[in-house]
Amino acid sequence: MRQPALIVIDMLNDFLSNWPVPAKQRLLSSVNDLITTRRRHDRPVIWVRQEFEPDLRDAYPEMARKGIRITIRGTGGSRSRPV
């Protein structure tokens, strides 16, 4: 039997650092509750995170052109938020 998976995408510091603390706490708490429920019922959870090389050679063309530096490998911004 196939089971649907929960896919958690880009829960990274760079995307959440500017959120107001109460909103960020609600989001992280909700995601954590959902993950806990899935695991308790032995259901799959897949984590996806994107990061780019420091020289942006693998970034989207617009990012490289504009020098947008988010989720850069090895930086604190590319680390996952604890959930």
N, C-alpha and C. Protein backbone atom coordinates (compact mmCIF):
# COMPACT_ATOMS: atom_id res chain seq x y z
N MET A 1 0.84 -1.18 0.00
CA MET A 1 0.00 0.00 0.00
C MET A 1 0.89 1.25 0.00
N ARG A 2 0.54 2.20 -0.81
CA ARG A 2 1.27 3.46 -0.84
C ARG A 2 0.81 4.36 0.29
N GLN A 3 1.78 5.12 0.83
CA GLN A 3 1.47 6.08 1.88
C GLN A 3 1.88 7.46 1.41
N PRO A 4 1.03 8.43 1.58
CA PRO A 4 1.46 9.79 1.23
C PRO A 4 2.54 10.25 2.20
N ALA A 5 3.50 10.98 1.68
CA ALA A 5 4.58 11.50 2.50
C ALA A 5 4.34 12.97 2.82
N LEU A 6 4.80 13.39 3.98
CA LEU A 6 4.83 14.80 4.32
C LEU A 6 6.17 15.33 3.82
N ILE A 7 6.14 16.39 3.01
CA ILE A 7 7.37 17.00 2.51
C ILE A 7 7.52 18.36 3.17
N VAL A 8 8.61 18.55 3.90
CA VAL A 8 8.89 19.80 4.59
C VAL A 8 9.98 20.50 3.78
N ILE A 9 9.68 21.69 3.26
CA ILE A 9 10.57 22.37 2.33
C ILE A 9 11.10 23.68 2.92
N ASP A 10 12.43 23.82 2.86
CA ASP A 10 13.13 25.07 3.14
C ASP A 10 12.78 25.73 4.48
N MET A 11 12.83 24.97 5.54
CA MET A 11 12.68 25.56 6.87
C MET A 11 14.07 26.06 7.28
N LEU A 12 14.54 27.08 6.58
CA LEU A 12 15.90 27.57 6.73
C LEU A 12 15.92 28.95 7.39
N ASN A 13 17.03 29.21 8.09
CA ASN A 13 17.19 30.48 8.79
C ASN A 13 16.98 31.68 7.89
N ASP A 14 17.55 31.66 6.67
CA ASP A 14 17.42 32.82 5.79
C ASP A 14 15.96 33.15 5.47
N PHE A 15 15.11 32.16 5.43
CA PHE A 15 13.71 32.41 5.10
C PHE A 15 12.88 32.79 6.32
N LEU A 16 13.34 32.44 7.50
CA LEU A 16 12.53 32.68 8.70
C LEU A 16 13.11 33.73 9.64
N SER A 17 14.31 34.19 9.40
CA SER A 17 14.96 35.09 10.35
C SER A 17 14.24 36.42 10.53
N ASN A 18 13.54 36.90 9.51
CA ASN A 18 12.85 38.19 9.61
C ASN A 18 11.39 38.08 10.04
N TRP A 19 10.94 36.87 10.29
CA TRP A 19 9.56 36.70 10.75
C TRP A 19 9.43 37.24 12.17
N PRO A 20 8.30 37.80 12.51
CA PRO A 20 8.06 38.18 13.91
C PRO A 20 8.13 36.92 14.78
N VAL A 21 8.71 37.04 15.94
CA VAL A 21 8.93 35.88 16.81
C VAL A 21 7.64 35.09 17.07
N PRO A 22 6.53 35.74 17.41
CA PRO A 22 5.32 34.93 17.68
C PRO A 22 4.88 34.11 16.45
N ALA A 23 4.94 34.71 15.28
CA ALA A 23 4.54 33.99 14.06
C ALA A 23 5.50 32.84 13.78
N LYS A 24 6.78 33.08 13.96
CA LYS A 24 7.78 32.03 13.74
C LYS A 24 7.58 30.89 14.72
N GLN A 25 7.32 31.21 15.97
CA GLN A 25 7.08 30.17 16.97
C GLN A 25 5.84 29.35 16.64
N ARG A 26 4.78 30.01 16.18
CA ARG A 26 3.56 29.29 15.79
C ARG A 26 3.82 28.35 14.62
N LEU A 27 4.55 28.85 13.62
CA LEU A 27 4.86 28.02 12.47
C LEU A 27 5.69 26.81 12.87
N LEU A 28 6.77 27.04 13.62
CA LEU A 28 7.64 25.94 14.02
C LEU A 28 6.90 24.94 14.91
N SER A 29 6.06 25.44 15.79
CA SER A 29 5.29 24.55 16.65
C SER A 29 4.32 23.70 15.83
N SER A 30 3.67 24.32 14.86
CA SER A 30 2.72 23.59 14.02
C SER A 30 3.43 22.53 13.17
N VAL A 31 4.56 22.90 12.59
CA VAL A 31 5.33 21.93 11.79
C VAL A 31 5.80 20.79 12.68
N ASN A 32 6.29 21.13 13.87
CA ASN A 32 6.76 20.11 14.79
C ASN A 32 5.63 19.15 15.18
N ASP A 33 4.47 19.69 15.47
CA ASP A 33 3.32 18.85 15.82
C ASP A 33 2.95 17.91 14.67
N LEU A 34 2.95 18.44 13.47
CA LEU A 34 2.62 17.63 12.30
C LEU A 34 3.64 16.51 12.09
N ILE A 35 4.91 16.84 12.22
CA ILE A 35 5.97 15.84 12.06
C ILE A 35 5.86 14.77 13.15
N THR A 36 5.63 15.20 14.37
CA THR A 36 5.49 14.25 15.48
C THR A 36 4.34 13.28 15.23
N THR A 37 3.21 13.82 14.77
CA THR A 37 2.06 12.96 14.48
C THR A 37 2.40 11.97 13.37
N ARG A 38 3.03 12.43 12.31
CA ARG A 38 3.39 11.54 11.20
C ARG A 38 4.32 10.42 11.69
N ARG A 39 5.31 10.78 12.46
CA ARG A 39 6.27 9.77 12.94
C ARG A 39 5.61 8.80 13.91
N ARG A 40 4.72 9.30 14.74
CA ARG A 40 4.03 8.44 15.70
C ARG A 40 3.24 7.36 14.98
N HIS A 41 2.75 7.67 13.79
CA HIS A 41 1.97 6.72 13.01
C HIS A 41 2.82 6.05 11.92
N ASP A 42 4.14 6.16 12.09
CA ASP A 42 5.09 5.51 11.17
C ASP A 42 4.84 5.91 9.72
N ARG A 43 4.63 7.19 9.51
CA ARG A 43 4.40 7.73 8.17
C ARG A 43 5.66 8.49 7.73
N PRO A 44 5.93 8.48 6.43
CA PRO A 44 7.17 9.10 5.96
C PRO A 44 7.16 10.63 6.03
N VAL A 45 8.33 11.18 6.39
CA VAL A 45 8.57 12.62 6.39
C VAL A 45 9.83 12.84 5.55
N ILE A 46 9.73 13.71 4.56
CA ILE A 46 10.86 14.01 3.69
C ILE A 46 11.24 15.47 3.89
N TRP A 47 12.52 15.70 4.17
CA TRP A 47 13.02 17.05 4.36
C TRP A 47 13.74 17.50 3.09
N VAL A 48 13.40 18.68 2.61
CA VAL A 48 14.05 19.24 1.42
C VAL A 48 14.60 20.61 1.81
N ARG A 49 15.85 20.82 1.46
CA ARG A 49 16.44 22.14 1.69
C ARG A 49 17.32 22.48 0.51
N GLN A 50 17.34 23.72 0.16
CA GLN A 50 18.13 24.16 -0.98
C GLN A 50 19.23 25.09 -0.48
N GLU A 51 20.42 24.88 -1.01
CA GLU A 51 21.49 25.81 -0.71
C GLU A 51 22.32 25.99 -1.98
N PHE A 52 22.98 27.12 -2.04
CA PHE A 52 23.76 27.48 -3.21
C PHE A 52 25.23 27.59 -2.86
N GLU A 53 26.06 27.43 -3.86
CA GLU A 53 27.51 27.59 -3.68
C GLU A 53 27.82 29.06 -3.40
N PRO A 54 28.88 29.33 -2.63
CA PRO A 54 29.22 30.72 -2.30
C PRO A 54 29.44 31.62 -3.52
N ASP A 55 29.91 31.06 -4.62
CA ASP A 55 30.14 31.90 -5.82
C ASP A 55 28.89 32.00 -6.71
N LEU A 56 27.78 31.43 -6.25
CA LEU A 56 26.48 31.47 -6.93
C LEU A 56 26.47 30.78 -8.30
N ARG A 57 27.45 29.93 -8.58
CA ARG A 57 27.50 29.27 -9.89
C ARG A 57 26.31 28.33 -10.12
N ASP A 58 25.67 27.89 -9.05
CA ASP A 58 24.52 27.00 -9.21
C ASP A 58 23.20 27.68 -8.84
N ALA A 59 23.25 28.99 -8.68
CA ALA A 59 22.04 29.74 -8.32
C ALA A 59 21.20 30.02 -9.56
N TYR A 60 19.98 30.45 -9.32
CA TYR A 60 19.12 30.88 -10.41
C TYR A 60 19.77 32.08 -11.09
N PRO A 61 19.61 32.23 -12.40
CA PRO A 61 20.26 33.34 -13.10
C PRO A 61 19.97 34.71 -12.48
N GLU A 62 18.72 34.94 -12.07
CA GLU A 62 18.38 36.23 -11.46
C GLU A 62 19.15 36.45 -10.15
N MET A 63 19.32 35.40 -9.36
CA MET A 63 20.07 35.53 -8.11
C MET A 63 21.51 35.93 -8.40
N ALA A 64 22.12 35.24 -9.35
CA ALA A 64 23.51 35.55 -9.69
C ALA A 64 23.62 36.96 -10.25
N ARG A 65 22.71 37.33 -11.12
CA ARG A 65 22.75 38.66 -11.75
C ARG A 65 22.59 39.77 -10.72
N LYS A 66 21.69 39.57 -9.76
CA LYS A 66 21.41 40.60 -8.75
C LYS A 66 22.25 40.45 -7.49
N GLY A 67 23.07 39.39 -7.43
CA GLY A 67 23.90 39.18 -6.24
C GLY A 67 23.09 38.81 -5.01
N ILE A 68 21.96 38.16 -5.20
CA ILE A 68 21.11 37.75 -4.07
C ILE A 68 21.77 36.56 -3.39
N ARG A 69 22.12 36.72 -2.16
CA ARG A 69 22.87 35.70 -1.45
C ARG A 69 22.05 35.16 -0.28
N ILE A 70 21.22 34.17 -0.58
CA ILE A 70 20.46 33.50 0.47
C ILE A 70 20.74 32.02 0.39
N THR A 71 20.63 31.36 1.52
CA THR A 71 20.88 29.92 1.68
C THR A 71 22.19 29.51 1.02
N ILE A 72 23.25 30.20 1.37
CA ILE A 72 24.59 29.92 0.84
C ILE A 72 25.22 28.82 1.68
N ARG A 73 25.73 27.79 0.98
CA ARG A 73 26.36 26.64 1.66
C ARG A 73 27.39 27.13 2.67
N GLY A 74 27.32 26.54 3.86
CA GLY A 74 28.28 26.85 4.92
C GLY A 74 27.94 28.07 5.77
N THR A 75 26.85 28.76 5.47
CA THR A 75 26.48 29.91 6.26
C THR A 75 25.36 29.56 7.23
N GLY A 76 25.18 30.37 8.24
CA GLY A 76 24.10 30.15 9.19
C GLY A 76 22.73 30.24 8.55
N GLY A 77 22.63 31.01 7.47
CA GLY A 77 21.35 31.14 6.78
C GLY A 77 20.89 29.88 6.08
N SER A 78 21.82 29.00 5.76
CA SER A 78 21.44 27.76 5.07
C SER A 78 21.13 26.62 6.04
N ARG A 79 21.27 26.89 7.33
CA ARG A 79 20.96 25.85 8.32
C ARG A 79 19.46 25.78 8.54
N SER A 80 19.01 24.57 8.81
CA SER A 80 17.58 24.37 9.07
C SER A 80 17.21 24.96 10.41
N ARG A 81 15.99 25.46 10.47
CA ARG A 81 15.43 25.92 11.75
C ARG A 81 15.11 24.69 12.57
N PRO A 82 15.40 24.72 13.84
CA PRO A 82 15.00 23.58 14.67
C PRO A 82 13.48 23.51 14.75
N VAL A 83 12.97 22.34 14.53
CA VAL A 83 11.53 22.15 14.67
C VAL A 83 11.27 21.02 15.63
